[in-house]
Amino acid sequence: MDINQKRLALGNAIRARRREQGLSQEKLALMVGSSKSHIWRIETGRVGVGIDDLSRIASALDTEVRTLITF
């Protein structure tokens, strides 16, 4: 699995968890202090995610970072 596939897998896991909770990208962005476009780029694998952002996203989604990393 290359880095792009890993980014996409992470993004898919974040999107799935966000949708399970009925959150929009905009709502998640507000919860983590980010922008909707940045959440979109993360979910589509277009950008890498730093540990700080990943930690805030996991907290907002009421989960642990390790549940979002499926590779």
Protein backbone atom coordinates (compact mmCIF):
# COMPACT_ATOMS: atom_id res chain seq x y z
CA MET A 1 0.00 0.00 0.00
CA ASP A 2 1.54 3.30 -1.06
CA ILE A 3 1.15 6.64 0.73
CA ASN A 4 -1.75 7.77 -1.47
CA GLN A 5 -3.68 4.59 -0.71
CA LYS A 6 -3.00 5.07 3.00
CA ARG A 7 -4.27 8.66 2.86
CA LEU A 8 -7.40 7.49 1.07
CA ALA A 9 -7.98 4.66 3.56
CA LEU A 10 -7.69 7.12 6.45
CA GLY A 11 -10.01 9.56 4.71
CA ASN A 12 -12.57 6.84 4.07
CA ALA A 13 -12.48 5.80 7.73
CA ILE A 14 -12.99 9.40 8.86
CA ARG A 15 -15.85 9.90 6.39
CA ALA A 16 -17.56 6.67 7.46
CA ARG A 17 -17.34 7.56 11.15
CA ARG A 18 -18.54 11.12 10.47
CA ARG A 19 -21.54 9.84 8.53
CA GLU A 20 -22.37 7.26 11.21
CA GLN A 21 -22.71 10.14 13.62
CA GLY A 22 -24.79 12.21 11.23
CA LEU A 23 -22.24 15.00 11.02
CA SER A 24 -21.66 17.16 7.97
CA GLN A 25 -18.16 18.09 6.89
CA GLU A 26 -18.94 21.63 7.96
CA LYS A 27 -20.00 20.55 11.47
CA LEU A 28 -16.89 18.39 11.89
CA ALA A 29 -14.73 21.26 10.68
CA LEU A 30 -16.26 23.57 13.30
CA MET A 31 -15.72 20.95 16.00
CA VAL A 32 -12.00 20.58 15.20
CA GLY A 33 -11.24 24.22 14.34
CA SER A 34 -10.68 23.60 10.65
CA SER A 35 -12.39 24.40 7.37
CA LYS A 36 -14.89 22.32 5.44
CA SER A 37 -12.52 22.26 2.48
CA HIS A 38 -9.70 20.90 4.63
CA ILE A 39 -11.96 18.10 5.93
CA TRP A 40 -12.92 17.35 2.32
CA ARG A 41 -9.23 17.17 1.31
CA ILE A 42 -8.52 14.81 4.21
CA GLU A 43 -11.50 12.57 3.41
CA THR A 44 -10.54 12.36 -0.26
CA GLY A 45 -6.89 11.59 0.49
CA ARG A 46 -5.58 14.75 -1.13
CA VAL A 47 -3.57 15.86 1.91
CA GLY A 48 -1.66 14.18 4.68
CA VAL A 49 -2.91 14.59 8.22
CA GLY A 50 -0.70 15.62 11.10
CA ILE A 51 -1.03 13.97 14.49
CA ASP A 52 -2.58 17.10 16.03
CA ASP A 53 -5.33 17.28 13.41
CA LEU A 54 -5.88 13.54 13.56
CA SER A 55 -6.19 13.66 17.33
CA ARG A 56 -8.75 16.49 17.18
CA ILE A 57 -10.74 14.65 14.50
CA ALA A 58 -10.75 11.43 16.52
CA SER A 59 -11.90 13.30 19.64
CA ALA A 60 -14.67 15.06 17.73
CA LEU A 61 -15.80 11.70 16.35
CA ASP A 62 -15.70 10.19 19.85
CA THR A 63 -13.19 7.52 18.88
CA GLU A 64 -9.51 6.72 19.18
CA VAL A 65 -6.97 7.48 16.48
CA ARG A 66 -6.20 3.78 16.08
CA THR A 67 -9.77 3.03 14.99
CA LEU A 68 -9.33 5.43 12.05
CA ILE A 69 -6.08 3.86 10.83
CA THR A 70 -7.13 0.71 9.05
CA PHE A 71 -3.83 -0.14 7.33
